[in-house]
């Protein structure tokens, strides 16, 4: 389990570097991942939806200047992705980890929802 956590940490850092240098390409990739998910999202495989949510969640960490989450919210396509997730039925998903990740995402990007 420790090895898996180290591997995830390494992948997250690599992802953040890619976001830093090619944010628009990453946004296209996130959009493709989300578009390929079966509908409704509440019935999507927990593994598939978790991957997509993690990509969205960690996108802000790779953006500069710090804090990256606020910088990410200025990206029109990213804003659309976050809004679309909030308008979907993902909050009705039956898997606990998916719900926790979605709620973490909602808190991280809550400024967008206040507008």
N, C-alpha and C. Protein backbone atom coordinates (compact mmCIF):
# COMPACT_ATOMS: atom_id res chain seq x y z
N UNK A 1 0.82 -1.19 0.00
CA UNK A 1 0.00 0.00 0.00
C UNK A 1 0.87 1.26 0.00
N UNK A 2 1.99 1.23 0.69
CA UNK A 2 2.90 2.37 0.72
C UNK A 2 3.48 2.62 -0.67
N UNK A 3 3.77 1.54 -1.39
CA UNK A 3 4.31 1.68 -2.74
C UNK A 3 3.27 2.32 -3.67
N UNK A 4 2.03 1.92 -3.50
CA UNK A 4 0.97 2.50 -4.33
C UNK A 4 0.83 3.99 -4.05
N UNK A 5 0.91 4.38 -2.79
CA UNK A 5 0.80 5.80 -2.43
C UNK A 5 1.98 6.59 -3.01
N UNK A 6 3.17 6.02 -2.96
CA UNK A 6 4.34 6.68 -3.57
C UNK A 6 4.14 6.84 -5.07
N UNK A 7 3.62 5.80 -5.69
CA UNK A 7 3.37 5.84 -7.13
C UNK A 7 2.34 6.93 -7.47
N UNK A 8 1.27 7.01 -6.69
CA UNK A 8 0.25 8.04 -6.91
C UNK A 8 0.83 9.45 -6.73
N UNK A 9 1.68 9.60 -5.72
CA UNK A 9 2.32 10.89 -5.48
C UNK A 9 3.19 11.28 -6.66
N UNK A 10 3.96 10.33 -7.17
CA UNK A 10 4.81 10.59 -8.33
C UNK A 10 3.96 10.99 -9.54
N UNK A 11 2.88 10.26 -9.79
CA UNK A 11 2.01 10.59 -10.91
C UNK A 11 1.37 11.97 -10.76
N UNK A 12 0.97 12.31 -9.54
CA UNK A 12 0.37 13.62 -9.28
C UNK A 12 1.37 14.74 -9.58
N UNK A 13 2.61 14.57 -9.16
CA UNK A 13 3.64 15.59 -9.41
C UNK A 13 3.92 15.73 -10.91
N UNK A 14 3.96 14.60 -11.61
CA UNK A 14 4.16 14.63 -13.05
C UNK A 14 2.99 15.34 -13.73
N UNK A 15 1.78 15.03 -13.31
CA UNK A 15 0.58 15.68 -13.84
C UNK A 15 0.63 17.18 -13.61
N UNK A 16 1.05 17.60 -12.44
CA UNK A 16 1.13 19.03 -12.13
C UNK A 16 2.14 19.74 -13.04
N UNK A 17 3.23 19.08 -13.34
CA UNK A 17 4.21 19.67 -14.27
C UNK A 17 3.61 19.83 -15.66
N UNK A 18 2.89 18.82 -16.10
CA UNK A 18 2.26 18.90 -17.43
C UNK A 18 1.24 20.03 -17.45
N UNK A 19 0.45 20.15 -16.38
CA UNK A 19 -0.53 21.24 -16.28
C UNK A 19 0.18 22.58 -16.35
N UNK A 20 1.28 22.71 -15.66
CA UNK A 20 2.01 23.97 -15.62
C UNK A 20 2.48 24.41 -17.01
N UNK A 21 2.92 23.44 -17.82
CA UNK A 21 3.48 23.79 -19.11
C UNK A 21 2.48 23.75 -20.26
N UNK A 22 1.44 22.94 -20.15
CA UNK A 22 0.47 22.80 -21.24
C UNK A 22 -0.96 22.74 -20.70
N UNK A 23 -1.42 23.79 -20.01
CA UNK A 23 -2.74 23.74 -19.38
C UNK A 23 -3.89 23.52 -20.38
N UNK A 24 -3.81 24.11 -21.55
CA UNK A 24 -4.90 23.95 -22.51
C UNK A 24 -4.98 22.53 -23.04
N UNK A 25 -3.84 21.91 -23.25
CA UNK A 25 -3.82 20.51 -23.68
C UNK A 25 -4.43 19.60 -22.61
N UNK A 26 -4.10 19.88 -21.35
CA UNK A 26 -4.65 19.10 -20.24
C UNK A 26 -6.17 19.30 -20.15
N UNK A 27 -6.63 20.52 -20.36
CA UNK A 27 -8.07 20.78 -20.33
C UNK A 27 -8.79 20.00 -21.43
N UNK A 28 -8.18 19.92 -22.60
CA UNK A 28 -8.77 19.11 -23.67
C UNK A 28 -8.84 17.65 -23.26
N UNK A 29 -7.78 17.16 -22.63
CA UNK A 29 -7.74 15.77 -22.17
C UNK A 29 -8.81 15.51 -21.11
N UNK A 30 -8.95 16.44 -20.15
CA UNK A 30 -9.97 16.29 -19.12
C UNK A 30 -11.36 16.26 -19.76
N UNK A 31 -11.59 17.17 -20.71
CA UNK A 31 -12.87 17.20 -21.41
C UNK A 31 -13.16 15.89 -22.12
N UNK A 32 -12.14 15.33 -22.76
CA UNK A 32 -12.30 14.04 -23.45
C UNK A 32 -12.63 12.92 -22.46
N UNK A 33 -11.92 12.92 -21.33
CA UNK A 33 -12.17 11.89 -20.31
C UNK A 33 -13.60 11.97 -19.80
N UNK A 34 -14.05 13.17 -19.49
CA UNK A 34 -15.41 13.33 -18.97
C UNK A 34 -16.46 13.01 -20.04
N UNK A 35 -16.19 13.38 -21.27
CA UNK A 35 -17.14 13.11 -22.35
C UNK A 35 -17.28 11.62 -22.64
N UNK A 36 -16.23 10.88 -22.37
CA UNK A 36 -16.26 9.44 -22.66
C UNK A 36 -16.97 8.63 -21.57
N UNK A 37 -17.28 9.26 -20.44
CA UNK A 37 -17.96 8.54 -19.36
C UNK A 37 -19.40 8.25 -19.74
N UNK A 38 -19.88 7.11 -19.29
CA UNK A 38 -21.28 6.77 -19.56
C UNK A 38 -22.19 7.68 -18.74
N UNK A 39 -23.37 7.87 -19.25
CA UNK A 39 -24.36 8.72 -18.58
C UNK A 39 -25.46 7.85 -18.03
N UNK A 40 -26.07 8.20 -16.96
CA UNK A 40 -25.78 9.32 -16.07
C UNK A 40 -24.52 9.05 -15.24
N UNK A 41 -23.89 10.13 -14.79
CA UNK A 41 -22.66 9.97 -14.01
C UNK A 41 -22.89 9.21 -12.71
N UNK A 42 -24.08 9.29 -12.19
CA UNK A 42 -24.38 8.59 -10.93
C UNK A 42 -24.29 7.07 -11.09
N UNK A 43 -24.34 6.59 -12.32
CA UNK A 43 -24.27 5.15 -12.57
C UNK A 43 -22.94 4.72 -13.18
N UNK A 44 -22.02 5.66 -13.35
CA UNK A 44 -20.72 5.36 -13.95
C UNK A 44 -19.87 4.54 -13.00
N UNK A 45 -19.02 3.71 -13.55
CA UNK A 45 -18.09 2.91 -12.76
C UNK A 45 -17.29 3.80 -11.81
N UNK A 46 -17.19 3.44 -10.54
CA UNK A 46 -16.44 4.26 -9.58
C UNK A 46 -15.00 4.51 -10.00
N UNK A 47 -14.36 3.53 -10.59
CA UNK A 47 -12.97 3.70 -11.01
C UNK A 47 -12.85 4.76 -12.10
N UNK A 48 -13.71 4.70 -13.09
CA UNK A 48 -13.66 5.65 -14.20
C UNK A 48 -13.95 7.07 -13.74
N UNK A 49 -14.97 7.24 -12.92
CA UNK A 49 -15.32 8.58 -12.48
C UNK A 49 -14.28 9.13 -11.51
N UNK A 50 -13.68 8.26 -10.71
CA UNK A 50 -12.64 8.72 -9.78
C UNK A 50 -11.45 9.30 -10.53
N UNK A 51 -11.03 8.63 -11.58
CA UNK A 51 -9.90 9.13 -12.38
C UNK A 51 -10.22 10.52 -12.94
N UNK A 52 -11.39 10.66 -13.53
CA UNK A 52 -11.77 11.94 -14.11
C UNK A 52 -11.85 13.05 -13.06
N UNK A 53 -12.44 12.73 -11.90
CA UNK A 53 -12.55 13.74 -10.84
C UNK A 53 -11.18 14.13 -10.30
N UNK A 54 -10.28 13.18 -10.19
CA UNK A 54 -8.93 13.51 -9.71
C UNK A 54 -8.20 14.43 -10.69
N UNK A 55 -8.40 14.22 -11.99
CA UNK A 55 -7.79 15.11 -12.97
C UNK A 55 -8.29 16.54 -12.79
N UNK A 56 -9.59 16.68 -12.58
CA UNK A 56 -10.17 18.01 -12.36
C UNK A 56 -9.67 18.58 -11.03
N UNK A 57 -9.73 17.78 -9.98
CA UNK A 57 -9.36 18.23 -8.64
C UNK A 57 -7.93 18.76 -8.60
N UNK A 58 -7.00 18.03 -9.21
CA UNK A 58 -5.58 18.40 -9.11
C UNK A 58 -5.13 19.39 -10.19
N UNK A 59 -6.01 19.76 -11.09
CA UNK A 59 -5.64 20.70 -12.15
C UNK A 59 -5.14 22.02 -11.55
N UNK A 60 -5.82 22.51 -10.54
CA UNK A 60 -5.44 23.78 -9.92
C UNK A 60 -4.07 23.77 -9.28
N UNK A 61 -3.62 22.60 -8.81
CA UNK A 61 -2.31 22.53 -8.16
C UNK A 61 -1.17 22.78 -9.13
N UNK A 62 -1.40 22.53 -10.40
CA UNK A 62 -0.35 22.74 -11.39
C UNK A 62 -0.32 24.13 -11.96
N UNK A 63 -1.33 24.91 -11.71
CA UNK A 63 -1.40 26.26 -12.28
C UNK A 63 -0.56 27.24 -11.49
N UNK A 64 -0.04 28.21 -12.18
CA UNK A 64 0.73 29.28 -11.58
C UNK A 64 0.14 30.59 -12.06
N UNK A 65 0.21 31.68 -11.35
CA UNK A 65 0.82 31.85 -10.03
C UNK A 65 -0.04 31.24 -8.94
N UNK A 66 0.59 31.02 -7.81
CA UNK A 66 -0.11 30.45 -6.65
C UNK A 66 -1.09 31.48 -6.10
N UNK A 67 -2.19 31.10 -5.51
CA UNK A 67 -2.69 29.73 -5.44
C UNK A 67 -3.29 29.31 -6.77
N UNK A 68 -2.92 28.15 -7.22
CA UNK A 68 -3.29 27.67 -8.54
C UNK A 68 -4.77 27.49 -8.75
N UNK A 69 -5.51 27.15 -7.69
CA UNK A 69 -6.95 26.92 -7.84
C UNK A 69 -7.64 28.21 -8.31
N UNK A 70 -7.23 29.34 -7.77
CA UNK A 70 -7.82 30.61 -8.19
C UNK A 70 -7.44 30.93 -9.63
N UNK A 71 -6.21 30.61 -10.01
CA UNK A 71 -5.76 30.83 -11.38
C UNK A 71 -6.56 29.94 -12.33
N UNK A 72 -6.78 28.70 -11.94
CA UNK A 72 -7.53 27.76 -12.78
C UNK A 72 -8.95 28.25 -13.03
N UNK A 73 -9.53 28.90 -12.05
CA UNK A 73 -10.91 29.36 -12.18
C UNK A 73 -11.07 30.47 -13.22
N UNK A 74 -9.96 31.05 -13.65
CA UNK A 74 -10.02 32.08 -14.70
C UNK A 74 -10.06 31.46 -16.10
N UNK A 75 -9.75 30.17 -16.20
CA UNK A 75 -9.81 29.47 -17.48
C UNK A 75 -11.26 29.16 -17.83
N UNK A 76 -11.74 29.73 -18.94
CA UNK A 76 -13.12 29.49 -19.34
C UNK A 76 -13.47 28.02 -19.47
N UNK A 77 -12.66 27.24 -20.19
CA UNK A 77 -12.98 25.81 -20.32
C UNK A 77 -12.99 25.07 -18.97
N UNK A 78 -12.08 25.43 -18.08
CA UNK A 78 -12.06 24.77 -16.78
C UNK A 78 -13.31 25.13 -15.98
N UNK A 79 -13.70 26.38 -16.04
CA UNK A 79 -14.92 26.82 -15.36
C UNK A 79 -16.12 26.02 -15.87
N UNK A 80 -16.19 25.83 -17.19
CA UNK A 80 -17.30 25.08 -17.78
C UNK A 80 -17.31 23.63 -17.29
N UNK A 81 -16.13 23.03 -17.15
CA UNK A 81 -16.03 21.66 -16.66
C UNK A 81 -16.56 21.56 -15.24
N UNK A 82 -16.12 22.47 -14.38
CA UNK A 82 -16.55 22.43 -12.98
C UNK A 82 -18.06 22.67 -12.88
N UNK A 83 -18.56 23.62 -13.62
CA UNK A 83 -20.00 23.89 -13.60
C UNK A 83 -20.79 22.69 -14.10
N UNK A 84 -20.32 22.07 -15.18
CA UNK A 84 -21.01 20.89 -15.71
C UNK A 84 -21.05 19.75 -14.69
N UNK A 85 -19.96 19.57 -13.96
CA UNK A 85 -19.95 18.53 -12.92
C UNK A 85 -20.99 18.84 -11.84
N UNK A 86 -21.08 20.11 -11.46
CA UNK A 86 -22.04 20.49 -10.42
C UNK A 86 -23.49 20.36 -10.90
N UNK A 87 -23.69 20.52 -12.17
CA UNK A 87 -25.04 20.39 -12.72
C UNK A 87 -25.43 18.95 -13.01
N UNK A 88 -24.45 18.07 -12.97
CA UNK A 88 -24.73 16.65 -13.26
C UNK A 88 -25.33 16.00 -12.01
N UNK A 89 -25.58 14.72 -12.13
CA UNK A 89 -26.15 13.96 -11.01
C UNK A 89 -25.08 13.21 -10.22
N UNK A 90 -23.84 13.64 -10.32
CA UNK A 90 -22.74 12.92 -9.65
C UNK A 90 -22.92 12.86 -8.14
N UNK A 91 -23.59 13.83 -7.56
CA UNK A 91 -23.81 13.82 -6.11
C UNK A 91 -24.73 12.67 -5.69
N UNK A 92 -25.34 12.00 -6.65
CA UNK A 92 -26.20 10.86 -6.35
C UNK A 92 -25.48 9.52 -6.54
N UNK A 93 -24.19 9.59 -6.80
CA UNK A 93 -23.43 8.34 -6.99
C UNK A 93 -23.45 7.53 -5.70
N UNK A 94 -23.47 6.22 -5.83
CA UNK A 94 -23.59 5.36 -4.65
C UNK A 94 -22.26 5.03 -3.98
N UNK A 95 -21.15 5.30 -4.65
CA UNK A 95 -19.84 4.94 -4.10
C UNK A 95 -19.29 6.05 -3.20
N UNK A 96 -18.89 5.67 -2.01
CA UNK A 96 -18.43 6.62 -0.98
C UNK A 96 -17.22 7.44 -1.45
N UNK A 97 -16.23 6.79 -2.05
CA UNK A 97 -15.01 7.50 -2.49
C UNK A 97 -15.32 8.54 -3.57
N UNK A 98 -16.22 8.20 -4.47
CA UNK A 98 -16.62 9.14 -5.52
C UNK A 98 -17.27 10.37 -4.89
N UNK A 99 -18.15 10.14 -3.94
CA UNK A 99 -18.82 11.26 -3.27
C UNK A 99 -17.83 12.14 -2.51
N UNK A 100 -16.91 11.51 -1.79
CA UNK A 100 -15.91 12.29 -1.04
C UNK A 100 -15.06 13.13 -1.98
N UNK A 101 -14.64 12.54 -3.08
CA UNK A 101 -13.82 13.28 -4.04
C UNK A 101 -14.62 14.41 -4.67
N UNK A 102 -15.87 14.16 -5.00
CA UNK A 102 -16.72 15.21 -5.56
C UNK A 102 -16.89 16.36 -4.56
N UNK A 103 -17.14 16.02 -3.30
CA UNK A 103 -17.32 17.07 -2.29
C UNK A 103 -16.02 17.85 -2.08
N UNK A 104 -14.88 17.18 -2.10
CA UNK A 104 -13.59 17.88 -2.01
C UNK A 104 -13.43 18.85 -3.18
N UNK A 105 -13.80 18.39 -4.36
CA UNK A 105 -13.73 19.24 -5.55
C UNK A 105 -14.66 20.44 -5.40
N UNK A 106 -15.86 20.21 -4.90
CA UNK A 106 -16.83 21.30 -4.72
C UNK A 106 -16.31 22.34 -3.74
N UNK A 107 -15.66 21.90 -2.68
CA UNK A 107 -15.11 22.84 -1.71
C UNK A 107 -13.93 23.61 -2.31
N UNK A 108 -13.04 22.88 -3.00
CA UNK A 108 -11.86 23.53 -3.58
C UNK A 108 -12.25 24.63 -4.55
N UNK A 109 -13.27 24.38 -5.35
CA UNK A 109 -13.65 25.35 -6.38
C UNK A 109 -14.98 26.05 -6.05
N UNK A 110 -15.24 26.20 -4.76
CA UNK A 110 -16.51 26.81 -4.32
C UNK A 110 -16.65 28.27 -4.74
N UNK A 111 -15.55 28.96 -4.94
CA UNK A 111 -15.64 30.36 -5.37
C UNK A 111 -16.41 30.48 -6.67
N UNK A 112 -16.24 29.50 -7.53
CA UNK A 112 -16.94 29.50 -8.81
C UNK A 112 -18.44 29.38 -8.61
N UNK A 113 -18.84 28.63 -7.63
CA UNK A 113 -20.27 28.41 -7.40
C UNK A 113 -20.95 29.62 -6.76
N UNK A 114 -20.17 30.48 -6.15
CA UNK A 114 -20.74 31.68 -5.51
C UNK A 114 -21.12 32.74 -6.54
N UNK A 115 -20.52 32.66 -7.72
CA UNK A 115 -20.78 33.69 -8.74
C UNK A 115 -22.13 33.55 -9.39
